[in-house]
N, C-alpha and C. Protein backbone atom coordinates (compact mmCIF):
# COMPACT_ATOMS: atom_id res chain seq x y z
N UNK A 1 -50.31 82.95 -14.48
CA UNK A 1 -50.37 83.32 -15.90
C UNK A 1 -51.81 83.72 -16.25
N UNK A 2 -51.97 84.93 -16.77
CA UNK A 2 -53.30 85.41 -17.12
C UNK A 2 -53.78 84.83 -18.45
N UNK A 3 -55.04 85.09 -18.72
CA UNK A 3 -55.63 84.57 -19.95
C UNK A 3 -54.95 85.17 -21.18
N UNK A 4 -54.66 86.48 -21.10
CA UNK A 4 -54.00 87.16 -22.22
C UNK A 4 -52.62 86.58 -22.48
N UNK A 5 -51.89 86.29 -21.42
CA UNK A 5 -50.56 85.70 -21.56
C UNK A 5 -50.67 84.35 -22.27
N UNK A 6 -51.68 83.60 -21.90
CA UNK A 6 -51.88 82.28 -22.50
C UNK A 6 -52.14 82.42 -24.00
N UNK A 7 -53.00 83.37 -24.36
CA UNK A 7 -53.30 83.61 -25.78
C UNK A 7 -52.05 84.02 -26.53
N UNK A 8 -51.26 84.89 -25.92
CA UNK A 8 -50.04 85.36 -26.55
C UNK A 8 -49.09 84.20 -26.81
N UNK A 9 -48.95 83.33 -25.82
CA UNK A 9 -48.08 82.16 -25.96
C UNK A 9 -48.57 81.27 -27.09
N UNK A 10 -49.87 81.08 -27.17
CA UNK A 10 -50.47 80.23 -28.18
C UNK A 10 -50.14 80.77 -29.58
N UNK A 11 -50.31 82.09 -29.75
CA UNK A 11 -50.04 82.72 -31.04
C UNK A 11 -48.56 82.57 -31.40
N UNK A 12 -47.70 82.78 -30.41
CA UNK A 12 -46.26 82.68 -30.64
C UNK A 12 -45.88 81.27 -31.07
N UNK A 13 -46.40 80.29 -30.37
CA UNK A 13 -46.11 78.89 -30.69
C UNK A 13 -46.62 78.55 -32.08
N UNK A 14 -47.83 79.02 -32.39
CA UNK A 14 -48.43 78.74 -33.69
C UNK A 14 -47.58 79.34 -34.81
N UNK A 15 -47.17 80.59 -34.60
CA UNK A 15 -46.36 81.27 -35.61
C UNK A 15 -45.04 80.55 -35.81
N UNK A 16 -44.42 80.16 -34.71
CA UNK A 16 -43.13 79.46 -34.78
C UNK A 16 -43.29 78.15 -35.54
N UNK A 17 -44.38 77.44 -35.28
CA UNK A 17 -44.58 76.14 -35.91
C UNK A 17 -44.88 76.32 -37.40
N UNK A 18 -45.57 77.40 -37.75
CA UNK A 18 -45.83 77.68 -39.17
C UNK A 18 -44.52 77.98 -39.90
N UNK A 19 -43.68 78.82 -39.27
CA UNK A 19 -42.39 79.15 -39.89
C UNK A 19 -41.54 77.90 -40.04
N UNK A 20 -41.58 77.04 -39.02
CA UNK A 20 -40.82 75.80 -39.04
C UNK A 20 -41.29 74.92 -40.19
N UNK A 21 -42.60 74.80 -40.34
CA UNK A 21 -43.18 73.99 -41.41
C UNK A 21 -42.78 74.53 -42.78
N UNK A 22 -42.83 75.86 -42.93
CA UNK A 22 -42.46 76.46 -44.22
C UNK A 22 -41.00 76.21 -44.55
N UNK A 23 -40.16 76.28 -43.53
CA UNK A 23 -38.73 76.02 -43.73
C UNK A 23 -38.53 74.58 -44.19
N UNK A 24 -39.22 73.65 -43.54
CA UNK A 24 -39.11 72.23 -43.90
C UNK A 24 -39.59 72.04 -45.34
N UNK A 25 -40.71 72.66 -45.70
CA UNK A 25 -41.24 72.54 -47.05
C UNK A 25 -40.24 73.06 -48.08
N UNK A 26 -39.61 74.20 -47.76
CA UNK A 26 -38.64 74.79 -48.67
C UNK A 26 -37.47 73.83 -48.88
N UNK A 27 -36.98 73.27 -47.78
CA UNK A 27 -35.87 72.33 -47.86
C UNK A 27 -36.27 71.10 -48.65
N UNK A 28 -37.50 70.64 -48.46
CA UNK A 28 -37.99 69.45 -49.13
C UNK A 28 -38.07 69.69 -50.64
N UNK A 29 -38.61 70.85 -51.02
CA UNK A 29 -38.72 71.19 -52.44
C UNK A 29 -37.34 71.27 -53.07
N UNK A 30 -36.41 71.91 -52.37
CA UNK A 30 -35.03 72.02 -52.87
C UNK A 30 -34.43 70.63 -53.05
N UNK A 31 -34.69 69.76 -52.09
CA UNK A 31 -34.18 68.40 -52.11
C UNK A 31 -34.73 67.64 -53.31
N UNK A 32 -36.04 67.75 -53.53
CA UNK A 32 -36.69 67.07 -54.66
C UNK A 32 -36.14 67.60 -55.99
N UNK A 33 -36.02 68.93 -56.09
CA UNK A 33 -35.48 69.52 -57.32
C UNK A 33 -34.07 69.01 -57.57
N UNK A 34 -33.29 68.90 -56.51
CA UNK A 34 -31.91 68.42 -56.63
C UNK A 34 -31.86 67.00 -57.17
N UNK A 35 -32.86 66.20 -56.82
CA UNK A 35 -32.88 64.81 -57.27
C UNK A 35 -33.29 64.74 -58.75
N UNK A 36 -34.33 65.48 -59.12
CA UNK A 36 -34.91 65.32 -60.45
C UNK A 36 -34.27 66.19 -61.51
N UNK A 37 -33.59 67.29 -61.09
CA UNK A 37 -33.02 68.17 -62.10
C UNK A 37 -31.53 68.22 -61.99
């Protein structure tokens, strides 16, 4: 595995984890709104 491949993998993983976090946040906000409203 070359250095560039490693960088590419890192970016992909980071992006996936950011999307995952945003999805969780969205679900959490929806959940909280459902409780209070």
